[in-house]
Structures are given as C-alpha cells and as structure tokens.
Amino acid sequence: TVGCFLPEVEYRLVPVEGITEGGVLHLKSPNLMTGYFVSDQPGQLQ
C-alpha cells in the first residue's frame, strides 16, 4: 500500500478489461496542475 488520499483529492477507478481487481486511477484535486504547454501551440495551456 502507499497510504490514503489527501483531503480534497477525488479519485475514480476505471475498469480494465482482463483485470479483475482494481482499476486505472484518475485523480482530480485543487492542488494538481491544470494543464500542459506543448511546443506546437506555444503560450496556449492545454
């Protein structure tokens, strides 16, 4: 185990075909980054 989620961290587990236990972790929280800058669109936050 790696511990518990911090306060205000929402999580969802998305099932994976062929895997019976758990799922792929998706997180949402006010302390996570909001996006990425990519080289082909300079200055635009994705």
PDB file of all heavy atoms in Angstrom:
ATOM      1  N   THR A   1       0.844  -1.193   0.000  1.00  0.00           N
ATOM      2  CA  THR A   1       0.000   0.000   0.000  1.00  0.00           C
ATOM      3  C   THR A   1       0.876   1.239   0.000  1.00  0.00           C
ATOM      4  O   THR A   1       2.045   1.180   0.398  1.00  0.00           O
ATOM      5  CB  THR A   1      -0.931   0.040   1.224  1.00  0.00           C
ATOM      6  OG1 THR A   1      -0.149   0.152   2.403  1.00  0.00           O
ATOM      7  CG2 THR A   1      -1.838  -1.158   1.283  1.00  0.00           C
ATOM      8  N   VAL A   2       0.301   2.334  -0.451  1.00  0.00           N
ATOM      9  CA  VAL A   2       1.039   3.604  -0.491  1.00  0.00           C
ATOM     10  C   VAL A   2       0.370   4.666   0.371  1.00  0.00           C
ATOM     11  O   VAL A   2       0.718   5.835   0.293  1.00  0.00           O
ATOM     12  CB  VAL A   2       1.196   4.117  -1.945  1.00  0.00           C
ATOM     13  CG1 VAL A   2       2.092   3.187  -2.736  1.00  0.00           C
ATOM     14  CG2 VAL A   2      -0.151   4.273  -2.632  1.00  0.00           C
ATOM     15  N   GLY A   3      -0.592   4.277   1.184  1.00  0.00           N
ATOM     16  CA  GLY A   3      -1.261   5.222   2.066  1.00  0.00           C
ATOM     17  C   GLY A   3      -2.640   5.594   1.539  1.00  0.00           C
ATOM     18  O   GLY A   3      -3.196   4.937   0.657  1.00  0.00           O
ATOM     19  N   CYS A   4      -3.182   6.670   2.107  1.00  0.00           N
ATOM     20  CA  CYS A   4      -4.524   7.143   1.754  1.00  0.00           C
ATOM     21  C   CYS A   4      -4.422   8.434   0.954  1.00  0.00           C
ATOM     22  O   CYS A   4      -3.385   9.097   0.949  1.00  0.00           O
ATOM     23  CB  CYS A   4      -5.329   7.411   3.021  1.00  0.00           C
ATOM     24  SG  CYS A   4      -5.618   5.954   4.021  1.00  0.00           S
ATOM     25  N   PHE A   5      -5.516   8.802   0.294  1.00  0.00           N
ATOM     26  CA  PHE A   5      -5.563  10.058  -0.444  1.00  0.00           C
ATOM     27  C   PHE A   5      -5.588  11.234   0.521  1.00  0.00           C
ATOM     28  O   PHE A   5      -6.159  11.148   1.610  1.00  0.00           O
ATOM     29  CB  PHE A   5      -6.797  10.111  -1.341  1.00  0.00           C
ATOM     30  CG  PHE A   5      -6.773   9.093  -2.440  1.00  0.00           C
ATOM     31  CD1 PHE A   5      -7.603   7.990  -2.398  1.00  0.00           C
ATOM     32  CD2 PHE A   5      -5.915   9.242  -3.519  1.00  0.00           C
ATOM     33  CE1 PHE A   5      -7.590   7.051  -3.414  1.00  0.00           C
ATOM     34  CE2 PHE A   5      -5.887   8.309  -4.537  1.00  0.00           C
ATOM     35  CZ  PHE A   5      -6.725   7.216  -4.479  1.00  0.00           C
ATOM     36  N   LEU A   6      -4.979  12.337   0.106  1.00  0.00           N
ATOM     37  CA  LEU A   6      -5.021  13.568   0.892  1.00  0.00           C
ATOM     38  C   LEU A   6      -6.418  14.161   0.836  1.00  0.00           C
ATOM     39  O   LEU A   6      -7.195  13.869  -0.079  1.00  0.00           O
ATOM     40  CB  LEU A   6      -4.017  14.579   0.326  1.00  0.00           C
ATOM     41  CG  LEU A   6      -2.548  14.190   0.440  1.00  0.00           C
ATOM     42  CD1 LEU A   6      -1.682  15.170  -0.345  1.00  0.00           C
ATOM     43  CD2 LEU A   6      -2.132  14.136   1.896  1.00  0.00           C
ATOM     44  N   PRO A   7      -6.750  15.030   1.807  1.00  0.00           N
ATOM     45  CA  PRO A   7      -8.050  15.696   1.752  1.00  0.00           C
ATOM     46  C   PRO A   7      -8.211  16.465   0.437  1.00  0.00           C
ATOM     47  O   PRO A   7      -7.246  16.977  -0.120  1.00  0.00           O
ATOM     48  CB  PRO A   7      -8.009  16.662   2.930  1.00  0.00           C
ATOM     49  CG  PRO A   7      -7.002  16.079   3.869  1.00  0.00           C
ATOM     50  CD  PRO A   7      -5.983  15.401   2.986  1.00  0.00           C
ATOM     51  N   GLU A   8      -9.414  16.541  -0.062  1.00  0.00           N
ATOM     52  CA  GLU A   8      -9.792  17.246  -1.290  1.00  0.00           C
ATOM     53  C   GLU A   8      -9.329  16.556  -2.572  1.00  0.00           C
ATOM     54  O   GLU A   8      -9.481  17.103  -3.652  1.00  0.00           O
ATOM     55  CB  GLU A   8      -9.335  18.701  -1.283  1.00  0.00           C
ATOM     56  CG  GLU A   8      -9.972  19.523  -0.176  1.00  0.00           C
ATOM     57  CD  GLU A   8      -9.665  20.995  -0.296  1.00  0.00           C
ATOM     58  OE1 GLU A   8      -9.665  21.519  -1.422  1.00  0.00           O
ATOM     59  OE2 GLU A   8      -9.408  21.615   0.743  1.00  0.00           O
ATOM     60  N   VAL A   9      -8.747  15.369  -2.471  1.00  0.00           N
ATOM     61  CA  VAL A   9      -8.376  14.612  -3.662  1.00  0.00           C
ATOM     62  C   VAL A   9      -9.536  13.673  -3.990  1.00  0.00           C
ATOM     63  O   VAL A   9      -9.917  12.837  -3.175  1.00  0.00           O
ATOM     64  CB  VAL A   9      -7.078  13.800  -3.457  1.00  0.00           C
ATOM     65  CG1 VAL A   9      -6.810  12.891  -4.650  1.00  0.00           C
ATOM     66  CG2 VAL A   9      -5.908  14.733  -3.223  1.00  0.00           C
ATOM     67  N   GLU A  10     -10.107  13.858  -5.173  1.00  0.00           N
ATOM     68  CA  GLU A  10     -11.155  12.960  -5.652  1.00  0.00           C
ATOM     69  C   GLU A  10     -10.486  11.886  -6.500  1.00  0.00           C
ATOM     70  O   GLU A  10      -9.504  12.164  -7.193  1.00  0.00           O
ATOM     71  CB  GLU A  10     -12.158  13.704  -6.526  1.00  0.00           C
ATOM     72  CG  GLU A  10     -12.922  14.799  -5.819  1.00  0.00           C
ATOM     73  CD  GLU A  10     -13.839  15.512  -6.791  1.00  0.00           C
ATOM     74  OE1 GLU A  10     -14.764  14.861  -7.339  1.00  0.00           O
ATOM     75  OE2 GLU A  10     -13.617  16.711  -7.020  1.00  0.00           O
ATOM     76  N   TYR A  11     -11.032  10.684  -6.471  1.00  0.00           N
ATOM     77  CA  TYR A  11     -10.472   9.630  -7.313  1.00  0.00           C
ATOM     78  C   TYR A  11     -11.588   8.807  -7.943  1.00  0.00           C
ATOM     79  O   TYR A  11     -12.699   8.734  -7.426  1.00  0.00           O
ATOM     80  CB  TYR A  11      -9.523   8.728  -6.524  1.00  0.00           C
ATOM     81  CG  TYR A  11     -10.205   7.744  -5.600  1.00  0.00           C
ATOM     82  CD1 TYR A  11     -10.505   6.457  -6.033  1.00  0.00           C
ATOM     83  CD2 TYR A  11     -10.554   8.094  -4.306  1.00  0.00           C
ATOM     84  CE1 TYR A  11     -11.126   5.549  -5.203  1.00  0.00           C
ATOM     85  CE2 TYR A  11     -11.189   7.203  -3.465  1.00  0.00           C
ATOM     86  CZ  TYR A  11     -11.474   5.933  -3.910  1.00  0.00           C
ATOM     87  OH  TYR A  11     -12.102   5.037  -3.089  1.00  0.00           O
ATOM     88  N   ARG A  12     -11.271   8.228  -9.073  1.00  0.00           N
ATOM     89  CA  ARG A  12     -12.149   7.291  -9.759  1.00  0.00           C
ATOM     90  C   ARG A  12     -11.276   6.151 -10.264  1.00  0.00           C
ATOM     91  O   ARG A  12     -10.140   6.373 -10.692  1.00  0.00           O
ATOM     92  CB  ARG A  12     -12.846   7.923 -10.973  1.00  0.00           C
ATOM     93  CG  ARG A  12     -13.707   9.109 -10.665  1.00  0.00           C
ATOM     94  CD  ARG A  12     -15.019   8.712  -9.992  1.00  0.00           C
ATOM     95  NE  ARG A  12     -15.880   9.864  -9.798  1.00  0.00           N
ATOM     96  CZ  ARG A  12     -15.824  10.707  -8.769  1.00  0.00           C
ATOM     97  NH1 ARG A  12     -14.902  10.540  -7.837  1.00  0.00           N
ATOM     98  NH2 ARG A  12     -16.665  11.710  -8.658  1.00  0.00           N
ATOM     99  N   LEU A  13     -11.797   4.948 -10.192  1.00  0.00           N
ATOM    100  CA  LEU A  13     -11.110   3.787 -10.743  1.00  0.00           C
ATOM    101  C   LEU A  13     -11.889   3.331 -11.966  1.00  0.00           C
ATOM    102  O   LEU A  13     -13.078   3.045 -11.879  1.00  0.00           O
ATOM    103  CB  LEU A  13     -11.027   2.652  -9.725  1.00  0.00           C
ATOM    104  CG  LEU A  13     -10.276   2.962  -8.430  1.00  0.00           C
ATOM    105  CD1 LEU A  13     -10.225   1.724  -7.550  1.00  0.00           C
ATOM    106  CD2 LEU A  13      -8.885   3.484  -8.714  1.00  0.00           C
ATOM    107  N   VAL A  14     -11.219   3.290 -13.104  1.00  0.00           N
ATOM    108  CA  VAL A  14     -11.830   2.873 -14.356  1.00  0.00           C
ATOM    109  C   VAL A  14     -11.416   1.427 -14.617  1.00  0.00           C
ATOM    110  O   VAL A  14     -10.220   1.116 -14.649  1.00  0.00           O
ATOM    111  CB  VAL A  14     -11.394   3.798 -15.516  1.00  0.00           C
ATOM    112  CG1 VAL A  14     -11.928   3.301 -16.835  1.00  0.00           C
ATOM    113  CG2 VAL A  14     -11.845   5.230 -15.243  1.00  0.00           C
ATOM    114  N   PRO A  15     -12.399   0.541 -14.792  1.00  0.00           N
ATOM    115  CA  PRO A  15     -12.084  -0.882 -15.015  1.00  0.00           C
ATOM    116  C   PRO A  15     -11.212  -1.090 -16.255  1.00  0.00           C
ATOM    117  O   PRO A  15     -11.294  -0.335 -17.222  1.00  0.00           O
ATOM    118  CB  PRO A  15     -13.455  -1.530 -15.221  1.00  0.00           C
ATOM    119  CG  PRO A  15     -14.439  -0.570 -14.654  1.00  0.00           C
ATOM    120  CD  PRO A  15     -13.838   0.798 -14.801  1.00  0.00           C
ATOM    121  N   VAL A  16     -10.392  -2.132 -16.177  1.00  0.00           N
ATOM    122  CA  VAL A  16      -9.530  -2.521 -17.301  1.00  0.00           C
ATOM    123  C   VAL A  16      -9.921  -3.937 -17.708  1.00  0.00           C
ATOM    124  O   VAL A  16      -9.980  -4.837 -16.859  1.00  0.00           O
ATOM    125  CB  VAL A  16      -8.039  -2.490 -16.895  1.00  0.00           C
ATOM    126  CG1 VAL A  16      -7.162  -2.950 -18.039  1.00  0.00           C
ATOM    127  CG2 VAL A  16      -7.638  -1.119 -16.405  1.00  0.00           C
ATOM    128  N   GLU A  17     -10.177  -4.122 -18.996  1.00  0.00           N
ATOM    129  CA  GLU A  17     -10.546  -5.446 -19.491  1.00  0.00           C
ATOM    130  C   GLU A  17      -9.438  -6.448 -19.174  1.00  0.00           C
ATOM    131  O   GLU A  17      -8.255  -6.175 -19.402  1.00  0.00           O
ATOM    132  CB  GLU A  17     -10.767  -5.383 -21.003  1.00  0.00           C
ATOM    133  CG  GLU A  17     -11.296  -6.666 -21.581  1.00  0.00           C
ATOM    134  CD  GLU A  17     -11.601  -6.552 -23.059  1.00  0.00           C
ATOM    135  OE1 GLU A  17     -11.823  -5.429 -23.550  1.00  0.00           O
ATOM    136  OE2 GLU A  17     -11.601  -7.602 -23.720  1.00  0.00           O
ATOM    137  N   GLY A  18      -9.822  -7.562 -18.604  1.00  0.00           N
ATOM    138  CA  GLY A  18      -8.866  -8.612 -18.273  1.00  0.00           C
ATOM    139  C   GLY A  18      -8.267  -8.503 -16.890  1.00  0.00           C
ATOM    140  O   GLY A  18      -7.567  -9.401 -16.452  1.00  0.00           O
ATOM    141  N   ILE A  19      -8.511  -7.407 -16.195  1.00  0.00           N
ATOM    142  CA  ILE A  19      -8.010  -7.237 -14.827  1.00  0.00           C
ATOM    143  C   ILE A  19      -9.216  -7.234 -13.897  1.00  0.00           C
ATOM    144  O   ILE A  19     -10.104  -6.390 -14.027  1.00  0.00           O
ATOM    145  CB  ILE A  19      -7.189  -5.941 -14.673  1.00  0.00           C
ATOM    146  CG1 ILE A  19      -5.966  -5.999 -15.574  1.00  0.00           C
ATOM    147  CG2 ILE A  19      -6.792  -5.725 -13.220  1.00  0.00           C
ATOM    148  CD1 ILE A  19      -5.118  -4.744 -15.557  1.00  0.00           C
ATOM    149  N   THR A  20      -9.254  -8.189 -12.978  1.00  0.00           N
ATOM    150  CA  THR A  20     -10.447  -8.359 -12.143  1.00  0.00           C
ATOM    151  C   THR A  20     -10.436  -7.508 -10.882  1.00  0.00           C
ATOM    152  O   THR A  20     -11.491  -7.217 -10.337  1.00  0.00           O
ATOM    153  CB  THR A  20     -10.622  -9.837 -11.745  1.00  0.00           C
ATOM    154  OG1 THR A  20      -9.442 -10.277 -11.062  1.00  0.00           O
ATOM    155  CG2 THR A  20     -10.851 -10.695 -12.974  1.00  0.00           C
ATOM    156  N   GLU A  21      -9.274  -7.129 -10.401  1.00  0.00           N
ATOM    157  CA  GLU A  21      -9.186  -6.346  -9.165  1.00  0.00           C
ATOM    158  C   GLU A  21      -8.713  -4.929  -9.473  1.00  0.00           C
ATOM    159  O   GLU A  21      -7.768  -4.728 -10.220  1.00  0.00           O
ATOM    160  CB  GLU A  21      -8.196  -7.000  -8.189  1.00  0.00           C
ATOM    161  CG  GLU A  21      -8.102  -6.281  -6.867  1.00  0.00           C
ATOM    162  CD  GLU A  21      -7.080  -6.902  -5.926  1.00  0.00           C
ATOM    163  OE1 GLU A  21      -6.522  -7.964  -6.253  1.00  0.00           O
ATOM    164  OE2 GLU A  21      -6.844  -6.305  -4.871  1.00  0.00           O
ATOM    165  N   GLY A  22      -9.364  -3.935  -8.890  1.00  0.00           N
ATOM    166  CA  GLY A  22      -8.937  -2.544  -9.038  1.00  0.00           C
ATOM    167  C   GLY A  22      -9.279  -1.967 -10.392  1.00  0.00           C
ATOM    168  O   GLY A  22     -10.118  -2.480 -11.132  1.00  0.00           O
ATOM    169  N   GLY A  23      -8.609  -0.860 -10.719  1.00  0.00           N
ATOM    170  CA  GLY A  23      -8.815  -0.173 -11.982  1.00  0.00           C
ATOM    171  C   GLY A  23      -7.774   0.907 -12.159  1.00  0.00           C
ATOM    172  O   GLY A  23      -6.929   1.138 -11.283  1.00  0.00           O
ATOM    173  N   VAL A  24      -7.840   1.600 -13.299  1.00  0.00           N
ATOM    174  CA  VAL A  24      -6.889   2.669 -13.588  1.00  0.00           C
ATOM    175  C   VAL A  24      -7.277   3.897 -12.762  1.00  0.00           C
ATOM    176  O   VAL A  24      -8.437   4.325 -12.753  1.00  0.00           O
ATOM    177  CB  VAL A  24      -6.886   3.027 -15.082  1.00  0.00           C
ATOM    178  CG1 VAL A  24      -5.916   4.165 -15.359  1.00  0.00           C
ATOM    179  CG2 VAL A  24      -6.524   1.825 -15.904  1.00  0.00           C
ATOM    180  N   LEU A  25      -6.305   4.467 -12.090  1.00  0.00           N
ATOM    181  CA  LEU A  25      -6.534   5.591 -11.191  1.00  0.00           C
ATOM    182  C   LEU A  25      -6.620   6.911 -11.955  1.00  0.00           C
ATOM    183  O   LEU A  25      -5.724   7.250 -12.735  1.00  0.00           O
ATOM    184  CB  LEU A  25      -5.395   5.668 -10.170  1.00  0.00           C
ATOM    185  CG  LEU A  25      -5.450   6.804  -9.163  1.00  0.00           C
ATOM    186  CD1 LEU A  25      -6.696   6.713  -8.294  1.00  0.00           C
ATOM    187  CD2 LEU A  25      -4.187   6.784  -8.299  1.00  0.00           C
ATOM    188  N   HIS A  26      -7.693   7.654 -11.715  1.00  0.00           N
ATOM    189  CA  HIS A  26      -7.878   9.009 -12.229  1.00  0.00           C
ATOM    190  C   HIS A  26      -8.047   9.915 -11.019  1.00  0.00           C
ATOM    191  O   HIS A  26      -8.791   9.577 -10.088  1.00  0.00           O
ATOM    192  CB  HIS A  26      -9.128   9.095 -13.116  1.00  0.00           C
ATOM    193  CG  HIS A  26      -9.005   8.326 -14.382  1.00  0.00           C
ATOM    194  ND1 HIS A  26      -8.918   8.935 -15.608  1.00  0.00           N
ATOM    195  CD2 HIS A  26      -8.941   6.996 -14.623  1.00  0.00           C
ATOM    196  CE1 HIS A  26      -8.826   8.022 -16.551  1.00  0.00           C
ATOM    197  NE2 HIS A  26      -8.841   6.832 -15.973  1.00  0.00           N
ATOM    198  N   LEU A  27      -7.347  11.068 -11.018  1.00  0.00           N
ATOM    199  CA  LEU A  27      -7.386  11.994  -9.887  1.00  0.00           C
ATOM    200  C   LEU A  27      -7.843  13.380 -10.312  1.00  0.00           C
ATOM    201  O   LEU A  27      -7.582  13.819 -11.434  1.00  0.00           O
ATOM    202  CB  LEU A  27      -6.001  12.139  -9.259  1.00  0.00           C
ATOM    203  CG  LEU A  27      -5.380  10.918  -8.611  1.00  0.00           C
ATOM    204  CD1 LEU A  27      -3.983  11.246  -8.111  1.00  0.00           C
ATOM    205  CD2 LEU A  27      -6.245  10.400  -7.484  1.00  0.00           C
ATOM    206  N   LYS A  28      -8.478  14.068  -9.369  1.00  0.00           N
ATOM    207  CA  LYS A  28      -8.856  15.467  -9.549  1.00  0.00           C
ATOM    208  C   LYS A  28      -8.700  16.140  -8.189  1.00  0.00           C
ATOM    209  O   LYS A  28      -9.154  15.613  -7.178  1.00  0.00           O
ATOM    210  CB  LYS A  28     -10.306  15.563 -10.020  1.00  0.00           C
ATOM    211  CG  LYS A  28     -10.752  16.964 -10.352  1.00  0.00           C
ATOM    212  CD  LYS A  28     -12.173  16.924 -10.917  1.00  0.00           C
ATOM    213  CE  LYS A  28     -12.580  18.267 -11.428  1.00  0.00           C
ATOM    214  NZ  LYS A  28     -13.941  18.239 -12.012  1.00  0.00           N
ATOM    215  N   SER A  29      -8.027  17.289  -8.179  1.00  0.00           N
ATOM    216  CA  SER A  29      -7.772  17.973  -6.918  1.00  0.00           C
ATOM    217  C   SER A  29      -7.369  19.411  -7.189  1.00  0.00           C
ATOM    218  O   SER A  29      -6.755  19.698  -8.221  1.00  0.00           O
ATOM    219  CB  SER A  29      -6.641  17.266  -6.169  1.00  0.00           C
ATOM    220  OG  SER A  29      -6.262  17.978  -5.020  1.00  0.00           O
ATOM    221  N   PRO A  30      -7.677  20.322  -6.265  1.00  0.00           N
ATOM    222  CA  PRO A  30      -7.248  21.706  -6.462  1.00  0.00           C
ATOM    223  C   PRO A  30      -5.728  21.883  -6.420  1.00  0.00           C
ATOM    224  O   PRO A  30      -5.220  22.896  -6.889  1.00  0.00           O
ATOM    225  CB  PRO A  30      -7.920  22.467  -5.317  1.00  0.00           C
ATOM    226  CG  PRO A  30      -8.368  21.457  -4.340  1.00  0.00           C
ATOM    227  CD  PRO A  30      -8.474  20.151  -5.060  1.00  0.00           C
ATOM    228  N   ASN A  31      -4.989  20.915  -5.902  1.00  0.00           N
ATOM    229  CA  ASN A  31      -3.537  21.065  -5.826  1.00  0.00           C
ATOM    230  C   ASN A  31      -2.794  20.367  -6.972  1.00  0.00           C
ATOM    231  O   ASN A  31      -1.575  20.311  -6.971  1.00  0.00           O
ATOM    232  CB  ASN A  31      -3.002  20.588  -4.470  1.00  0.00           C
ATOM    233  CG  ASN A  31      -3.197  19.111  -4.245  1.00  0.00           C
ATOM    234  OD1 ASN A  31      -4.001  18.481  -4.914  1.00  0.00           O
ATOM    235  ND2 ASN A  31      -2.484  18.562  -3.288  1.00  0.00           N
ATOM    236  N   LEU A  32      -3.524  19.835  -7.974  1.00  0.00           N
ATOM    237  CA  LEU A  32      -2.885  19.260  -9.156  1.00  0.00           C
ATOM    238  C   LEU A  32      -2.817  20.302 -10.256  1.00  0.00           C
ATOM    239  O   LEU A  32      -3.650  21.207 -10.323  1.00  0.00           O
ATOM    240  CB  LEU A  32      -3.668  18.044  -9.661  1.00  0.00           C
ATOM    241  CG  LEU A  32      -3.616  16.804  -8.786  1.00  0.00           C
ATOM    242  CD1 LEU A  32      -4.554  15.733  -9.327  1.00  0.00           C
ATOM    243  CD2 LEU A  32      -2.209  16.261  -8.689  1.00  0.00           C
ATOM    244  N   MET A  33      -1.866  20.157 -11.150  1.00  0.00           N
ATOM    245  CA  MET A  33      -1.719  21.123 -12.242  1.00  0.00           C
ATOM    246  C   MET A  33      -2.966  21.152 -13.119  1.00  0.00           C
ATOM    247  O   MET A  33      -3.702  20.173 -13.206  1.00  0.00           O
ATOM    248  CB  MET A  33      -0.493  20.814 -13.069  1.00  0.00           C
ATOM    249  CG  MET A  33      -0.580  19.549 -13.853  1.00  0.00           C
ATOM    250  SD  MET A  33       0.926  19.349 -14.783  1.00  0.00           S
ATOM    251  CE  MET A  33       0.416  18.096 -15.907  1.00  0.00           C
ATOM    252  N   THR A  34      -3.180  22.272 -13.782  1.00  0.00           N
ATOM    253  CA  THR A  34      -4.382  22.435 -14.598  1.00  0.00           C
ATOM    254  C   THR A  34      -4.164  22.064 -16.055  1.00  0.00           C
ATOM    255  O   THR A  34      -5.134  21.910 -16.788  1.00  0.00           O
ATOM    256  CB  THR A  34      -4.908  23.874 -14.533  1.00  0.00           C
ATOM    257  OG1 THR A  34      -3.881  24.760 -14.947  1.00  0.00           O
ATOM    258  CG2 THR A  34      -5.354  24.224 -13.126  1.00  0.00           C
ATOM    259  N   GLY A  35      -2.906  21.950 -16.480  1.00  0.00           N
ATOM    260  CA  GLY A  35      -2.687  21.604 -17.881  1.00  0.00           C
ATOM    261  C   GLY A  35      -1.227  21.558 -18.251  1.00  0.00           C
ATOM    262  O   GLY A  35      -0.340  21.621 -17.402  1.00  0.00           O
ATOM    263  N   TYR A  36      -1.005  21.473 -19.578  1.00  0.00           N
ATOM    264  CA  TYR A  36       0.324  21.357 -20.163  1.00  0.00           C
ATOM    265  C   TYR A  36       0.521  22.443 -21.212  1.00  0.00           C
ATOM    266  O   TYR A  36      -0.424  22.837 -21.892  1.00  0.00           O
ATOM    267  CB  TYR A  36       0.487  20.016 -20.885  1.00  0.00           C
ATOM    268  CG  TYR A  36       0.380  18.806 -20.017  1.00  0.00           C
ATOM    269  CD1 TYR A  36      -0.834  18.162 -19.839  1.00  0.00           C
ATOM    270  CD2 TYR A  36       1.507  18.276 -19.399  1.00  0.00           C
ATOM    271  CE1 TYR A  36      -0.938  17.026 -19.050  1.00  0.00           C
ATOM    272  CE2 TYR A  36       1.413  17.139 -18.610  1.00  0.00           C
ATOM    273  CZ  TYR A  36       0.195  16.530 -18.444  1.00  0.00           C
ATOM    274  OH  TYR A  36       0.104  15.403 -17.664  1.00  0.00           O
ATOM    275  N   PHE A  37       1.757  22.875 -21.377  1.00  0.00           N
ATOM    276  CA  PHE A  37       2.139  23.682 -22.527  1.00  0.00           C
ATOM    277  C   PHE A  37       2.833  22.740 -23.498  1.00  0.00           C
ATOM    278  O   PHE A  37       3.692  21.962 -23.099  1.00  0.00           O
ATOM    279  CB  PHE A  37       3.084  24.820 -22.128  1.00  0.00           C
ATOM    280  CG  PHE A  37       2.394  25.910 -21.363  1.00  0.00           C
ATOM    281  CD1 PHE A  37       2.586  26.058 -20.001  1.00  0.00           C
ATOM    282  CD2 PHE A  37       1.545  26.793 -22.006  1.00  0.00           C
ATOM    283  CE1 PHE A  37       1.951  27.060 -19.296  1.00  0.00           C
ATOM    284  CE2 PHE A  37       0.895  27.804 -21.307  1.00  0.00           C
ATOM    285  CZ  PHE A  37       1.101  27.932 -19.953  1.00  0.00           C
ATOM    286  N   VAL A  38       2.451  22.805 -24.770  1.00  0.00           N
ATOM    287  CA  VAL A  38       3.046  21.929 -25.772  1.00  0.00           C
ATOM    288  C   VAL A  38       3.731  22.771 -26.842  1.00  0.00           C
ATOM    289  O   VAL A  38       3.308  23.897 -27.133  1.00  0.00           O
ATOM    290  CB  VAL A  38       2.000  20.982 -26.400  1.00  0.00           C
ATOM    291  CG1 VAL A  38       1.516  19.968 -25.379  1.00  0.00           C
ATOM    292  CG2 VAL A  38       0.831  21.735 -26.970  1.00  0.00           C
ATOM    293  N   SER A  39       4.782  22.229 -27.430  1.00  0.00           N
ATOM    294  CA  SER A  39       5.635  23.004 -28.333  1.00  0.00           C
ATOM    295  C   SER A  39       4.925  23.464 -29.605  1.00  0.00           C
ATOM    296  O   SER A  39       5.255  24.515 -30.146  1.00  0.00           O
ATOM    297  CB  SER A  39       6.886  22.210 -28.702  1.00  0.00           C
ATOM    298  OG  SER A  39       6.528  21.015 -29.360  1.00  0.00           O
ATOM    299  N   ASP A  40       3.960  22.705 -30.095  1.00  0.00           N
ATOM    300  CA  ASP A  40       3.316  23.098 -31.343  1.00  0.00           C
ATOM    301  C   ASP A  40       2.216  24.158 -31.164  1.00  0.00           C
ATOM    302  O   ASP A  40       1.656  24.638 -32.147  1.00  0.00           O
ATOM    303  CB  ASP A  40       2.774  21.885 -32.099  1.00  0.00           C
ATOM    304  CG  ASP A  40       1.689  21.142 -31.344  1.00  0.00           C
ATOM    305  OD1 ASP A  40       1.562  21.326 -30.112  1.00  0.00           O
ATOM    306  OD2 ASP A  40       0.969  20.363 -31.989  1.00  0.00           O
ATOM    307  N   GLN A  41       1.924  24.528 -29.900  1.00  0.00           N
ATOM    308  CA  GLN A  41       0.961  25.592 -29.611  1.00  0.00           C
ATOM    309  C   GLN A  41       1.502  26.463 -28.482  1.00  0.00           C
ATOM    310  O   GLN A  41       0.968  26.468 -27.377  1.00  0.00           O
ATOM    311  CB  GLN A  41      -0.400  25.006 -29.243  1.00  0.00           C
ATOM    312  CG  GLN A  41      -1.033  24.230 -30.365  1.00  0.00           C
ATOM    313  CD  GLN A  41      -2.349  23.597 -29.969  1.00  0.00           C
ATOM    314  OE1 GLN A  41      -2.644  23.401 -28.798  1.00  0.00           O
ATOM    315  NE2 GLN A  41      -3.159  23.277 -30.961  1.00  0.00           N
ATOM    316  N   PRO A  42       2.582  27.208 -28.751  1.00  0.00           N
ATOM    317  CA  PRO A  42       3.233  27.986 -27.695  1.00  0.00           C
ATOM    318  C   PRO A  42       2.282  28.994 -27.050  1.00  0.00           C
ATOM    319  O   PRO A  42       1.488  29.637 -27.718  1.00  0.00           O
ATOM    320  CB  PRO A  42       4.376  28.704 -28.411  1.00  0.00           C
ATOM    321  CG  PRO A  42       4.193  28.469 -29.860  1.00  0.00           C
ATOM    322  CD  PRO A  42       3.180  27.407 -30.049  1.00  0.00           C
ATOM    323  N   GLY A  43       2.369  29.078 -25.729  1.00  0.00           N
ATOM    324  CA  GLY A  43       1.579  30.044 -24.977  1.00  0.00           C
ATOM    325  C   GLY A  43       0.145  29.634 -24.717  1.00  0.00           C
ATOM    326  O   GLY A  43      -0.581  30.348 -24.023  1.00  0.00           O
ATOM    327  N   GLN A  44      -0.289  28.498 -25.229  1.00  0.00           N
ATOM    328  CA  GLN A  44      -1.657  28.037 -25.016  1.00  0.00           C
ATOM    329  C   GLN A  44      -1.663  26.847 -24.060  1.00  0.00           C
ATOM    330  O   GLN A  44      -1.088  25.801 -24.359  1.00  0.00           O
ATOM    331  CB  GLN A  44      -2.311  27.633 -26.333  1.00  0.00           C
ATOM    332  CG  GLN A  44      -2.539  28.780 -27.274  1.00  0.00           C
ATOM    333  CD  GLN A  44      -3.250  28.328 -28.540  1.00  0.00           C
ATOM    334  OE1 GLN A  44      -3.288  27.148 -28.865  1.00  0.00           O
ATOM    335  NE2 GLN A  44      -3.820  29.278 -29.241  1.00  0.00           N
ATOM    336  N   LEU A  45      -2.302  27.030 -22.922  1.00  0.00           N
ATOM    337  CA  LEU A  45      -2.397  25.963 -21.931  1.00  0.00           C
ATOM    338  C   LEU A  45      -3.402  24.916 -22.411  1.00  0.00           C
ATOM    339  O   LEU A  45      -4.547  25.249 -22.729  1.00  0.00           O
ATOM    340  CB  LEU A  45      -2.838  26.527 -20.582  1.00  0.00           C
ATOM    341  CG  LEU A  45      -2.940  25.535 -19.436  1.00  0.00           C
ATOM    342  CD1 LEU A  45      -1.550  25.004 -19.077  1.00  0.00           C
ATOM    343  CD2 LEU A  45      -3.589  26.176 -18.230  1.00  0.00           C
ATOM    344  N   GLN A  46      -2.962  23.675 -22.484  1.00  0.00           N
ATOM    345  CA  GLN A  46      -3.836  22.565 -22.847  1.00  0.00           C
ATOM    346  C   GLN A  46      -4.369  21.966 -21.546  1.00  0.00           C
ATOM    347  O   GLN A  46      -3.631  21.324 -20.810  1.00  0.00           O
ATOM    348  CB  GLN A  46      -3.063  21.507 -23.649  1.00  0.00           C
ATOM    349  CG  GLN A  46      -2.390  22.045 -24.888  1.00  0.00           C
ATOM    350  CD  GLN A  46      -3.380  22.636 -25.877  1.00  0.00           C
ATOM    351  OE1 GLN A  46      -4.359  21.992 -26.239  1.00  0.00           O
ATOM    352  NE2 GLN A  46      -3.135  23.868 -26.278  1.00  0.00           N
TER     353      GLN A  46
END
